């Protein structure tokens, strides 16, 4: 039994439609898998970014604490009250230091979120270093105080 031309055309078109549908479905499934993977990577990166940002906040609080009463009171010390006036200049410089520009905790891809996390880590390092320098400057002024003023 032989197929007529009309049936052959219909069968060929049906076969082409099935192949195109299969390819399209495969591509759609693959794209969905990539989107799910990208969303998972983004979520993981955002979690890491929040952790880094919380660390930065803690270091900012450390600077605020270091700039608190002790540093501001010590900075008011008169140069005549210390052995080394440079210690007061160093403290004044540290108190005037400009904090880095704060990086926003945003990003629409895992790569961009990762870059933001790196910038925030650098900011955090600045706060760590600045807090240490500020405390050292306060200690240097206090160590330089002339003791005979308090006798």
N, C-alpha and C. Protein backbone atom coordinates (compact mmCIF):
# COMPACT_ATOMS: atom_id res chain seq x y z
N UNK A 1 0.84 -1.17 0.00
CA UNK A 1 0.00 0.00 0.00
C UNK A 1 0.88 1.23 0.00
N UNK A 2 0.68 1.98 -0.99
CA UNK A 2 1.50 3.16 -1.21
C UNK A 2 0.75 4.40 -0.75
N UNK A 3 1.54 5.37 -0.17
CA UNK A 3 0.92 6.61 0.28
C UNK A 3 0.85 7.58 -0.87
N UNK A 4 -0.23 8.30 -0.87
CA UNK A 4 -0.32 9.32 -1.91
C UNK A 4 0.50 10.54 -1.49
N UNK A 5 0.68 11.45 -2.40
CA UNK A 5 1.52 12.62 -2.15
C UNK A 5 1.00 13.47 -0.98
N UNK A 6 -0.29 13.58 -0.89
CA UNK A 6 -0.88 14.40 0.17
C UNK A 6 -0.53 13.82 1.54
N UNK A 7 -0.59 12.55 1.67
CA UNK A 7 -0.29 11.89 2.93
C UNK A 7 1.20 12.02 3.24
N UNK A 8 2.04 11.92 2.21
CA UNK A 8 3.49 12.07 2.41
C UNK A 8 3.82 13.48 2.91
N UNK A 9 3.18 14.46 2.34
CA UNK A 9 3.41 15.85 2.74
C UNK A 9 2.98 16.05 4.19
N UNK A 10 1.84 15.54 4.54
CA UNK A 10 1.32 15.68 5.91
C UNK A 10 2.25 14.96 6.88
N UNK A 11 2.71 13.78 6.53
CA UNK A 11 3.61 13.02 7.40
C UNK A 11 4.93 13.75 7.56
N UNK A 12 5.44 14.31 6.48
CA UNK A 12 6.70 15.06 6.53
C UNK A 12 6.55 16.29 7.41
N UNK A 13 5.46 17.01 7.23
CA UNK A 13 5.21 18.22 8.04
C UNK A 13 5.08 17.83 9.51
N UNK A 14 4.35 16.76 9.79
CA UNK A 14 4.19 16.30 11.17
C UNK A 14 5.54 15.93 11.77
N UNK A 15 6.39 15.25 11.02
CA UNK A 15 7.71 14.88 11.50
C UNK A 15 8.56 16.11 11.78
N UNK A 16 8.51 17.08 10.88
CA UNK A 16 9.26 18.33 11.08
C UNK A 16 8.77 19.06 12.32
N UNK A 17 7.45 19.13 12.48
CA UNK A 17 6.87 19.79 13.66
C UNK A 17 7.34 19.09 14.93
N UNK A 18 7.32 17.78 14.95
CA UNK A 18 7.77 17.03 16.13
C UNK A 18 9.25 17.29 16.43
N UNK A 19 10.07 17.31 15.41
CA UNK A 19 11.50 17.57 15.59
C UNK A 19 11.71 18.99 16.12
N UNK A 20 11.06 19.97 15.50
CA UNK A 20 11.19 21.37 15.94
C UNK A 20 10.69 21.51 17.37
N UNK A 21 9.56 20.87 17.68
CA UNK A 21 9.00 20.93 19.04
C UNK A 21 9.97 20.30 20.04
N UNK A 22 10.57 19.19 19.67
CA UNK A 22 11.54 18.54 20.55
C UNK A 22 12.76 19.40 20.80
N UNK A 23 13.28 19.99 19.74
CA UNK A 23 14.45 20.87 19.88
C UNK A 23 14.10 22.09 20.71
N UNK A 24 12.96 22.70 20.43
CA UNK A 24 12.53 23.89 21.18
C UNK A 24 12.33 23.55 22.65
N UNK A 25 11.72 22.42 22.91
CA UNK A 25 11.52 21.99 24.30
C UNK A 25 12.83 21.74 25.00
N UNK A 26 13.76 21.13 24.30
CA UNK A 26 15.09 20.88 24.88
C UNK A 26 15.82 22.17 25.19
N UNK A 27 15.74 23.10 24.28
CA UNK A 27 16.39 24.40 24.50
C UNK A 27 15.73 25.12 25.69
N UNK A 28 14.41 25.08 25.74
CA UNK A 28 13.69 25.74 26.84
C UNK A 28 14.06 25.09 28.17
N UNK A 29 14.13 23.77 28.21
CA UNK A 29 14.50 23.07 29.44
C UNK A 29 15.92 23.45 29.86
N UNK A 30 16.84 23.48 28.89
CA UNK A 30 18.22 23.85 29.17
C UNK A 30 18.31 25.28 29.71
N UNK A 31 17.59 26.20 29.09
CA UNK A 31 17.58 27.60 29.54
C UNK A 31 17.01 27.71 30.95
N UNK A 32 15.98 26.93 31.24
CA UNK A 32 15.39 26.96 32.58
C UNK A 32 16.41 26.45 33.61
N UNK A 33 17.13 25.40 33.26
CA UNK A 33 18.14 24.86 34.17
C UNK A 33 19.24 25.89 34.44
N UNK A 34 19.65 26.60 33.40
CA UNK A 34 20.66 27.64 33.57
C UNK A 34 20.13 28.77 34.44
N UNK A 35 18.87 29.13 34.26
CA UNK A 35 18.26 30.20 35.06
C UNK A 35 18.18 29.78 36.52
N UNK A 36 17.81 28.55 36.77
CA UNK A 36 17.73 28.05 38.15
C UNK A 36 19.12 28.06 38.79
N UNK A 37 20.11 27.61 38.04
CA UNK A 37 21.48 27.59 38.55
C UNK A 37 21.97 29.02 38.83
N UNK A 38 21.68 29.94 37.94
CA UNK A 38 22.09 31.33 38.14
C UNK A 38 21.39 31.92 39.37
N UNK A 39 20.13 31.60 39.55
CA UNK A 39 19.39 32.09 40.72
C UNK A 39 19.97 31.53 42.01
N UNK A 40 20.36 30.26 42.00
CA UNK A 40 20.97 29.66 43.18
C UNK A 40 22.32 30.30 43.48
N UNK A 41 23.11 30.55 42.44
CA UNK A 41 24.41 31.20 42.63
C UNK A 41 24.23 32.62 43.17
N UNK A 42 23.24 33.32 42.63
CA UNK A 42 22.96 34.68 43.09
C UNK A 42 22.54 34.68 44.55
N UNK A 43 21.68 33.75 44.94
CA UNK A 43 21.22 33.67 46.33
C UNK A 43 22.40 33.39 47.27
N UNK A 44 23.28 32.47 46.87
CA UNK A 44 24.44 32.17 47.70
C UNK A 44 25.37 33.38 47.80
N UNK A 45 25.58 34.06 46.68
CA UNK A 45 26.44 35.25 46.69
C UNK A 45 25.84 36.36 47.55
N UNK A 46 24.53 36.52 47.49
CA UNK A 46 23.87 37.55 48.29
C UNK A 46 23.99 37.25 49.78
N UNK A 47 23.90 35.99 50.14
CA UNK A 47 24.08 35.60 51.54
C UNK A 47 25.49 35.96 52.00
N UNK A 48 26.47 35.63 51.16
CA UNK A 48 27.85 35.99 51.49
C UNK A 48 28.04 37.49 51.58
N UNK A 49 27.39 38.22 50.70
CA UNK A 49 27.49 39.68 50.70
C UNK A 49 26.92 40.26 52.00
N UNK A 50 25.81 39.72 52.44
CA UNK A 50 25.23 40.20 53.69
C UNK A 50 26.15 39.94 54.87
N UNK A 51 26.82 38.79 54.86
CA UNK A 51 27.78 38.49 55.93
C UNK A 51 28.93 39.49 55.93
N UNK A 52 29.43 39.78 54.74
CA UNK A 52 30.54 40.74 54.61
C UNK A 52 30.08 42.13 55.06
N UNK A 53 28.87 42.50 54.67
CA UNK A 53 28.35 43.82 55.04
C UNK A 53 28.15 43.93 56.55
N UNK A 54 27.72 42.85 57.18
CA UNK A 54 27.58 42.87 58.65
C UNK A 54 28.94 43.03 59.31
N UNK A 55 29.96 42.38 58.74
CA UNK A 55 31.31 42.54 59.26
C UNK A 55 31.79 43.98 59.14
N UNK A 56 31.47 44.60 58.00
CA UNK A 56 31.84 46.01 57.81
C UNK A 56 31.15 46.88 58.86
N UNK A 57 29.88 46.61 59.10
CA UNK A 57 29.12 47.39 60.08
C UNK A 57 29.76 47.28 61.46
N UNK A 58 30.18 46.07 61.81
CA UNK A 58 30.86 45.88 63.10
C UNK A 58 32.13 46.69 63.19
N UNK A 59 32.88 46.74 62.09
CA UNK A 59 34.13 47.53 62.09
C UNK A 59 33.83 49.02 62.12
N UNK A 60 32.76 49.44 61.47
CA UNK A 60 32.36 50.86 61.54
C UNK A 60 32.02 51.22 62.98
N UNK A 61 31.33 50.33 63.65
CA UNK A 61 31.00 50.57 65.05
C UNK A 61 32.27 50.65 65.90
N UNK A 62 33.27 49.83 65.54
CA UNK A 62 34.54 49.86 66.26
C UNK A 62 35.23 51.21 66.12
N UNK A 63 35.17 51.79 64.92
CA UNK A 63 35.75 53.12 64.71
C UNK A 63 34.98 54.15 65.53
N UNK A 64 33.66 54.05 65.51
CA UNK A 64 32.84 54.99 66.27
C UNK A 64 33.18 54.90 67.76
N UNK A 65 33.38 53.69 68.22
CA UNK A 65 33.74 53.50 69.63
C UNK A 65 35.12 54.08 69.91
N UNK A 66 36.06 53.81 69.00
CA UNK A 66 37.43 54.32 69.17
C UNK A 66 37.46 55.85 69.10
N UNK A 67 36.56 56.42 68.30
CA UNK A 67 36.48 57.88 68.19
C UNK A 67 35.67 58.49 69.33
N UNK A 68 35.22 57.64 70.20
CA UNK A 68 34.37 58.10 71.30
C UNK A 68 35.08 59.00 72.28
N UNK A 69 34.66 58.87 73.50
CA UNK A 69 35.12 59.75 74.57
C UNK A 69 36.64 59.85 74.67
N UNK A 70 37.33 58.71 74.72
CA UNK A 70 38.79 58.72 74.93
C UNK A 70 39.52 59.51 73.85
N UNK A 71 39.21 59.23 72.61
CA UNK A 71 39.93 59.90 71.52
C UNK A 71 39.62 61.39 71.49
N UNK A 72 38.36 61.73 71.63
CA UNK A 72 38.00 63.15 71.56
C UNK A 72 38.52 63.93 72.77
N UNK A 73 38.47 63.31 73.94
CA UNK A 73 39.00 63.96 75.14
C UNK A 73 40.51 64.09 75.03
N UNK A 74 41.17 63.03 74.60
CA UNK A 74 42.63 63.04 74.48
C UNK A 74 43.07 64.08 73.44
N UNK A 75 42.29 64.23 72.38
CA UNK A 75 42.64 65.19 71.32
C UNK A 75 42.59 66.63 71.83
N UNK A 76 41.86 66.87 72.89
CA UNK A 76 41.77 68.22 73.46
C UNK A 76 42.96 68.56 74.36
N UNK A 77 43.86 67.61 74.53
CA UNK A 77 45.04 67.83 75.35
C UNK A 77 45.88 68.94 74.73
N UNK A 78 46.37 69.83 75.56
CA UNK A 78 47.21 70.94 75.11
C UNK A 78 48.61 70.41 74.82
N UNK A 79 49.24 70.97 73.80
CA UNK A 79 50.59 70.52 73.43
C UNK A 79 51.59 70.71 74.57
N UNK A 80 51.32 71.64 75.44
CA UNK A 80 52.21 71.88 76.57
C UNK A 80 52.12 70.76 77.61
N UNK A 81 51.10 69.93 77.50
CA UNK A 81 50.90 68.86 78.47
C UNK A 81 51.54 67.54 78.06
N UNK A 82 52.19 67.51 76.90
CA UNK A 82 52.80 66.27 76.42
C UNK A 82 54.28 66.46 76.12
N UNK A 83 55.00 65.37 76.22
CA UNK A 83 56.43 65.40 75.91
C UNK A 83 56.65 65.53 74.41
N UNK A 84 55.80 64.86 73.63
CA UNK A 84 55.96 64.84 72.18
C UNK A 84 54.68 65.36 71.52
N UNK A 85 54.72 66.58 71.04
CA UNK A 85 53.54 67.21 70.43
C UNK A 85 53.11 66.52 69.14
N UNK A 86 54.02 65.78 68.51
CA UNK A 86 53.67 65.07 67.28
C UNK A 86 52.59 64.02 67.54
N UNK A 87 52.53 63.51 68.76
CA UNK A 87 51.50 62.51 69.07
C UNK A 87 50.10 63.13 68.94
N UNK A 88 49.97 64.39 69.31
CA UNK A 88 48.68 65.08 69.16
C UNK A 88 48.36 65.32 67.69
N UNK A 89 49.38 65.65 66.92
CA UNK A 89 49.17 65.85 65.48
C UNK A 89 48.72 64.55 64.82
N UNK A 90 49.34 63.44 65.20
CA UNK A 90 48.97 62.14 64.65
C UNK A 90 47.53 61.79 65.02
N UNK A 91 47.16 62.05 66.26
CA UNK A 91 45.79 61.77 66.71
C UNK A 91 44.79 62.64 65.94
N UNK A 92 45.13 63.90 65.75
CA UNK A 92 44.24 64.80 65.01
C UNK A 92 44.07 64.31 63.57
N UNK A 93 45.15 63.85 62.95
CA UNK A 93 45.08 63.33 61.59
C UNK A 93 44.17 62.10 61.53
N UNK A 94 44.31 61.20 62.48
CA UNK A 94 43.48 59.99 62.50
C UNK A 94 42.01 60.32 62.74
N UNK A 95 41.76 61.31 63.56
CA UNK A 95 40.36 61.70 63.81
C UNK A 95 39.72 62.34 62.58
N UNK A 96 40.55 62.95 61.72
CA UNK A 96 40.03 63.60 60.51
C UNK A 96 40.00 62.68 59.30
N UNK A 97 40.50 61.45 59.45
CA UNK A 97 40.59 60.52 58.31
C UNK A 97 39.21 60.29 57.69
N UNK A 98 39.19 60.29 56.37
CA UNK A 98 37.94 60.07 55.62
C UNK A 98 37.70 58.58 55.43
N UNK A 99 36.54 58.15 55.80
CA UNK A 99 36.15 56.76 55.60
C UNK A 99 35.92 56.52 54.11
N UNK A 100 36.12 55.29 53.66
CA UNK A 100 35.88 55.00 52.24
C UNK A 100 34.39 55.14 51.91
N UNK A 101 34.12 55.38 50.65
CA UNK A 101 32.74 55.43 50.18
C UNK A 101 32.12 54.05 50.37
N UNK A 102 30.94 54.04 50.93
CA UNK A 102 30.27 52.77 51.23
C UNK A 102 29.71 52.15 49.95
N UNK A 103 30.05 50.90 49.73
CA UNK A 103 29.54 50.14 48.59
C UNK A 103 28.16 49.61 48.92
N UNK A 104 27.24 49.77 48.01
CA UNK A 104 25.89 49.26 48.21
C UNK A 104 25.89 47.74 48.12
N UNK A 105 25.01 47.13 48.87
CA UNK A 105 24.88 45.67 48.88
C UNK A 105 23.89 45.24 47.81
N UNK A 106 24.27 45.46 46.57
CA UNK A 106 23.37 45.13 45.48
C UNK A 106 24.12 44.40 44.38
N UNK A 107 23.36 43.82 43.49
CA UNK A 107 23.92 43.14 42.34
C UNK A 107 22.87 42.20 41.78
N UNK A 108 22.77 42.18 40.46
CA UNK A 108 21.74 41.34 39.84
C UNK A 108 22.30 40.04 39.30
N UNK A 109 23.61 39.85 39.47
CA UNK A 109 24.23 38.57 39.10
C UNK A 109 25.21 38.19 40.20
N UNK A 110 25.52 36.91 40.26
CA UNK A 110 26.47 36.44 41.27
C UNK A 110 27.82 37.12 41.10
N UNK A 111 28.24 37.39 39.87
CA UNK A 111 29.51 38.05 39.61
C UNK A 111 29.52 39.47 40.18
N UNK A 112 28.45 40.21 39.93
CA UNK A 112 28.37 41.59 40.45
C UNK A 112 28.29 41.61 41.97
N UNK A 113 27.56 40.68 42.54
CA UNK A 113 27.48 40.59 44.00
C UNK A 113 28.86 40.24 44.56
N UNK A 114 29.58 39.35 43.89
CA UNK A 114 30.93 39.00 44.32
C UNK A 114 31.87 40.20 44.28
N UNK A 115 31.75 41.01 43.25
CA UNK A 115 32.58 42.22 43.16
C UNK A 115 32.24 43.20 44.27
N UNK A 116 30.96 43.34 44.58
CA UNK A 116 30.55 44.22 45.68
C UNK A 116 31.11 43.69 47.00
N UNK A 117 31.08 42.39 47.19
CA UNK A 117 31.62 41.79 48.41
C UNK A 117 33.12 42.07 48.54
N UNK A 118 33.85 42.01 47.43
CA UNK A 118 35.29 42.31 47.47
C UNK A 118 35.53 43.77 47.86
N UNK A 119 34.73 44.68 47.30
CA UNK A 119 34.88 46.10 47.64
C UNK A 119 34.56 46.32 49.12
N UNK A 120 33.51 45.66 49.60
CA UNK A 120 33.14 45.80 51.01
C UNK A 120 34.24 45.23 51.91
N UNK A 121 34.87 44.16 51.48
CA UNK A 121 35.98 43.59 52.25
C UNK A 121 37.14 44.59 52.35
N UNK A 122 37.41 45.30 51.27
CA UNK A 122 38.46 46.32 51.30
C UNK A 122 38.08 47.46 52.24
N UNK A 123 36.81 47.84 52.23
CA UNK A 123 36.33 48.88 53.15
C UNK A 123 36.50 48.41 54.59
N UNK A 124 36.14 47.17 54.84
CA UNK A 124 36.27 46.61 56.19
C UNK A 124 37.72 46.64 56.65
N UNK A 125 38.64 46.30 55.75
CA UNK A 125 40.06 46.34 56.08
C UNK A 125 40.48 47.76 56.46
N UNK A 126 39.95 48.76 55.76
CA UNK A 126 40.27 50.15 56.10
C UNK A 126 39.81 50.45 57.52
N UNK A 127 38.60 50.03 57.87
CA UNK A 127 38.08 50.29 59.22
C UNK A 127 38.93 49.59 60.28
N UNK A 128 39.37 48.37 60.01
CA UNK A 128 40.22 47.64 60.95
C UNK A 128 41.52 48.42 61.16
N UNK A 129 42.16 48.81 60.07
CA UNK A 129 43.42 49.54 60.15
C UNK A 129 43.24 50.88 60.84
N UNK A 130 42.18 51.59 60.48
CA UNK A 130 41.95 52.91 61.06
C UNK A 130 41.69 52.82 62.56
N UNK A 131 40.90 51.85 62.97
CA UNK A 131 40.62 51.67 64.40
C UNK A 131 41.92 51.41 65.16
N UNK A 132 42.77 50.55 64.59
CA UNK A 132 44.04 50.24 65.23
C UNK A 132 44.92 51.49 65.33
N UNK A 133 45.01 52.25 64.25
CA UNK A 133 45.82 53.48 64.26
C UNK A 133 45.28 54.50 65.25
N UNK A 134 43.97 54.61 65.30
CA UNK A 134 43.35 55.57 66.20
C UNK A 134 43.64 55.21 67.66
N UNK A 135 43.49 53.94 67.98
CA UNK A 135 43.79 53.50 69.36
C UNK A 135 45.26 53.71 69.69
N UNK A 136 46.13 53.42 68.72
CA UNK A 136 47.56 53.64 68.94
C UNK A 136 47.87 55.11 69.16
N UNK A 137 47.19 55.98 68.41
CA UNK A 137 47.42 57.43 68.54
C UNK A 137 46.97 57.91 69.92
N UNK A 138 45.84 57.42 70.40
CA UNK A 138 45.36 57.79 71.74
C UNK A 138 46.36 57.31 72.79
N UNK A 139 46.80 56.07 72.65
CA UNK A 139 47.76 55.52 73.61
C UNK A 139 49.08 56.30 73.58
N UNK A 140 49.51 56.73 72.40
CA UNK A 140 50.76 57.48 72.28
C UNK A 140 50.65 58.83 72.99
N UNK A 141 49.51 59.50 72.83
CA UNK A 141 49.31 60.79 73.52
C UNK A 141 49.29 60.56 75.02
N UNK A 142 48.55 59.55 75.44
CA UNK A 142 48.45 59.28 76.88
C UNK A 142 49.80 58.90 77.47
N UNK A 143 50.61 58.17 76.72
CA UNK A 143 51.95 57.80 77.20
C UNK A 143 52.88 59.01 77.22
N UNK A 144 52.58 60.00 76.42
CA UNK A 144 53.43 61.19 76.32
C UNK A 144 53.04 62.28 77.32
N UNK A 145 51.94 62.07 78.02
CA UNK A 145 51.51 63.09 78.99
C UNK A 145 52.60 63.33 80.03
N UNK A 146 52.78 64.57 80.35
CA UNK A 146 53.75 64.93 81.39
C UNK A 146 53.14 64.59 82.74
N UNK A 147 53.79 63.72 83.47
CA UNK A 147 53.22 63.24 84.72
C UNK A 147 53.25 64.31 85.81
N UNK A 148 54.17 65.25 85.73
CA UNK A 148 54.25 66.25 86.79
C UNK A 148 53.04 67.18 86.79
N UNK A 149 52.22 67.16 85.76
CA UNK A 149 51.01 67.98 85.74
C UNK A 149 49.95 67.45 86.71
N UNK A 150 50.08 66.18 87.05
CA UNK A 150 49.06 65.54 87.88
C UNK A 150 49.53 65.37 89.34
N UNK A 151 50.70 65.87 89.66
CA UNK A 151 51.22 65.73 91.03
C UNK A 151 50.73 66.83 91.93
